[in-house]
Amino acid sequence: MKKSKPIPEALDVAQALKAAGLQVTAQRLAVYQAVESNPHAMADEISQKVRSELGVISKQAVYDALNAMSEHGIIRRIQPAGSAARYEHRVDNHHHLICRLCENLIDVDCAVGKAPCLKAEHDHGFEIDEAEVTYWGICPSCQKDTVS
């Protein structure tokens, strides 16, 4: 899997696609917009959103666009334990908080400094360029529901 540096925010998605060597197509733009408007959506949800915008598009075309854009760092693919893959437009170093009951997923910034989690106590010779941290718990809404 090819990983590239995150695309600077100043570039719009069309420029990011060109910079990655990908064609700028209506389908890819619509897929990006669907991801941007619904962070942490699953591929089927993105496909439905794109279909509502463009009309006819195959699921395979949506999957292909998601894969190409995630491989080039234009969007980010995450897959929390026990969940289908989800996609987000935020590609900076951040983590996620997930409710065990309702599966609500929220972005969480790194707790300290710039990319502190990339400093493993012992890296075993790896050149670490990414870390995924997922915090699990019960969201405030579900806490209220379980008390009632």
Protein backbone atom coordinates (compact mmCIF):
# COMPACT_ATOMS: atom_id res chain seq x y z
CA MET A 1 0.00 0.00 0.00
CA LYS A 2 1.43 3.34 -1.01
CA LYS A 3 1.37 5.93 1.77
CA SER A 4 2.07 9.53 1.02
CA LYS A 5 2.23 12.61 3.17
CA PRO A 6 -1.12 14.23 3.93
CA ILE A 7 -2.20 16.73 1.30
CA PRO A 8 -1.78 20.31 2.60
CA GLU A 9 -5.12 21.90 3.45
CA ALA A 10 -4.46 24.76 1.02
CA LEU A 11 -4.90 22.40 -1.91
CA ASP A 12 -8.43 21.58 -2.89
CA VAL A 13 -9.43 18.01 -3.68
CA ALA A 14 -8.98 18.43 -7.45
CA GLN A 15 -5.42 19.63 -6.91
CA ALA A 16 -4.83 16.80 -4.44
CA LEU A 17 -6.02 14.24 -6.98
CA LYS A 18 -3.76 15.72 -9.68
CA ALA A 19 -0.81 15.82 -7.26
CA ALA A 20 -1.36 12.13 -6.55
CA GLY A 21 -1.41 11.32 -10.28
CA LEU A 22 -5.13 10.53 -10.27
CA GLN A 23 -7.64 11.78 -12.81
CA VAL A 24 -10.11 14.36 -11.57
CA THR A 25 -13.52 12.83 -12.26
CA ALA A 26 -17.03 13.74 -11.19
CA GLN A 27 -17.22 10.39 -9.40
CA ARG A 28 -14.06 10.97 -7.33
CA LEU A 29 -15.13 14.51 -6.47
CA ALA A 30 -18.57 13.27 -5.40
CA VAL A 31 -17.02 10.49 -3.30
CA TYR A 32 -14.72 12.99 -1.58
CA GLN A 33 -17.64 15.34 -0.89
CA ALA A 34 -19.66 12.44 0.56
CA VAL A 35 -16.76 11.52 2.86
CA GLU A 36 -16.27 15.15 3.86
CA SER A 37 -19.95 15.67 4.66
CA ASN A 38 -20.28 12.41 6.60
CA PRO A 39 -17.03 11.63 8.43
CA HIS A 40 -16.56 8.02 9.53
CA ALA A 41 -19.13 6.74 7.02
CA MET A 42 -18.93 3.21 5.70
CA ALA A 43 -18.56 2.53 1.97
CA ASP A 44 -22.24 1.63 1.51
CA GLU A 45 -23.33 4.90 3.13
CA ILE A 46 -20.92 6.82 0.91
CA SER A 47 -22.20 4.95 -2.13
CA GLN A 48 -25.81 5.90 -1.32
CA LYS A 49 -24.85 9.55 -0.82
CA VAL A 50 -22.94 9.65 -4.12
CA ARG A 51 -25.84 7.96 -5.93
CA SER A 52 -28.22 10.62 -4.59
CA GLU A 53 -25.89 13.32 -5.98
CA LEU A 54 -24.88 11.80 -9.32
CA GLY A 55 -27.64 9.37 -10.15
CA VAL A 56 -26.07 6.23 -11.55
CA ILE A 57 -22.74 5.01 -10.20
CA SER A 58 -21.70 1.46 -9.41
CA LYS A 59 -20.68 0.39 -5.93
CA GLN A 60 -17.42 -0.80 -7.48
CA ALA A 61 -16.67 2.70 -8.80
CA VAL A 62 -17.21 4.11 -5.30
CA TYR A 63 -14.99 1.42 -3.75
CA ASP A 64 -12.31 2.08 -6.38
CA ALA A 65 -12.40 5.84 -5.66
CA LEU A 66 -12.23 5.26 -1.90
CA ASN A 67 -9.28 2.88 -2.29
CA ALA A 68 -7.36 5.17 -4.66
CA MET A 69 -7.87 8.25 -2.51
CA SER A 70 -7.00 6.46 0.74
CA GLU A 71 -3.85 4.95 -0.80
CA HIS A 72 -2.70 8.44 -1.77
CA GLY A 73 -3.49 10.12 1.56
CA ILE A 74 -6.38 12.23 0.25
CA ILE A 75 -8.81 10.52 2.63
CA ARG A 76 -8.18 8.18 5.52
CA ARG A 77 -9.51 4.63 5.94
CA ILE A 78 -9.98 3.40 9.49
CA GLN A 79 -11.31 0.07 10.69
CA PRO A 80 -12.07 -0.13 14.40
CA ALA A 81 -12.22 -3.64 15.87
CA GLY A 82 -15.49 -5.34 14.99
CA SER A 83 -16.49 -2.68 12.45
CA ALA A 84 -16.50 -2.34 8.71
CA ALA A 85 -14.01 0.10 7.22
CA ARG A 86 -14.91 3.75 7.61
CA TYR A 87 -13.61 6.77 5.74
CA GLU A 88 -12.83 10.33 6.75
CA HIS A 89 -11.40 13.39 5.07
CA ARG A 90 -9.26 14.31 8.08
CA VAL A 91 -5.84 12.81 7.33
CA ASP A 92 -3.77 14.46 10.06
CA ASN A 93 -2.50 12.58 13.11
CA HIS A 94 -5.52 12.09 15.33
CA HIS A 95 -7.34 9.29 17.10
CA HIS A 96 -10.90 8.10 17.71
CA LEU A 97 -13.30 7.63 20.58
CA ILE A 98 -16.04 5.02 20.08
CA CYS A 99 -19.11 4.27 22.18
CA ARG A 100 -19.42 0.56 22.91
CA LEU A 101 -23.21 0.75 22.87
CA CYS A 102 -24.30 3.06 20.02
CA GLU A 103 -20.99 2.92 18.08
CA ASN A 104 -20.85 6.73 17.82
CA LEU A 105 -17.34 7.59 16.60
CA ILE A 106 -15.65 10.92 17.40
CA ASP A 107 -12.28 12.38 16.41
CA VAL A 108 -9.86 13.02 19.27
CA ASP A 109 -6.72 15.10 18.87
CA CYS A 110 -3.42 13.74 20.19
CA ALA A 111 -3.13 14.39 23.89
CA VAL A 112 0.38 15.86 23.91
CA GLY A 113 2.58 17.53 21.32
CA LYS A 114 2.97 16.67 17.67
CA ALA A 115 2.53 12.94 16.94
CA PRO A 116 3.67 11.74 20.39
CA CYS A 117 2.35 8.24 19.73
CA LEU A 118 4.92 7.74 16.97
CA LYS A 119 7.65 7.29 19.58
CA ALA A 120 7.38 3.65 20.61
CA GLU A 121 9.30 2.57 23.71
CA HIS A 122 11.06 -0.03 21.53
CA ASP A 123 10.55 0.19 17.76
CA HIS A 124 12.25 -3.17 16.98
CA GLY A 125 13.99 -1.51 14.05
CA PHE A 126 10.79 -0.26 12.41
CA GLU A 127 10.60 3.19 10.90
CA ILE A 128 7.23 4.15 12.36
CA ASP A 129 5.16 6.57 10.27
CA GLU A 130 1.64 6.05 11.59
CA ALA A 131 -0.16 4.96 14.75
CA GLU A 132 -3.82 4.21 15.38
CA VAL A 133 -5.24 4.78 18.83
CA THR A 134 -8.87 3.98 19.55
CA TYR A 135 -10.45 4.87 22.87
CA TRP A 136 -13.51 2.78 23.78
CA GLY A 137 -16.15 3.73 26.31
CA ILE A 138 -19.77 4.70 26.83
CA CYS A 139 -20.92 8.07 25.44
CA PRO A 140 -22.87 10.53 27.64
CA SER A 141 -26.15 9.77 25.86
CA CYS A 142 -25.84 6.02 26.40
CA GLN A 143 -24.78 6.61 30.02
CA LYS A 144 -28.05 8.47 30.60
CA ASP A 145 -30.02 5.69 28.91
CA THR A 146 -28.46 2.97 31.10
CA VAL A 147 -29.16 4.92 34.32
CA SER A 148 -32.84 5.43 33.49
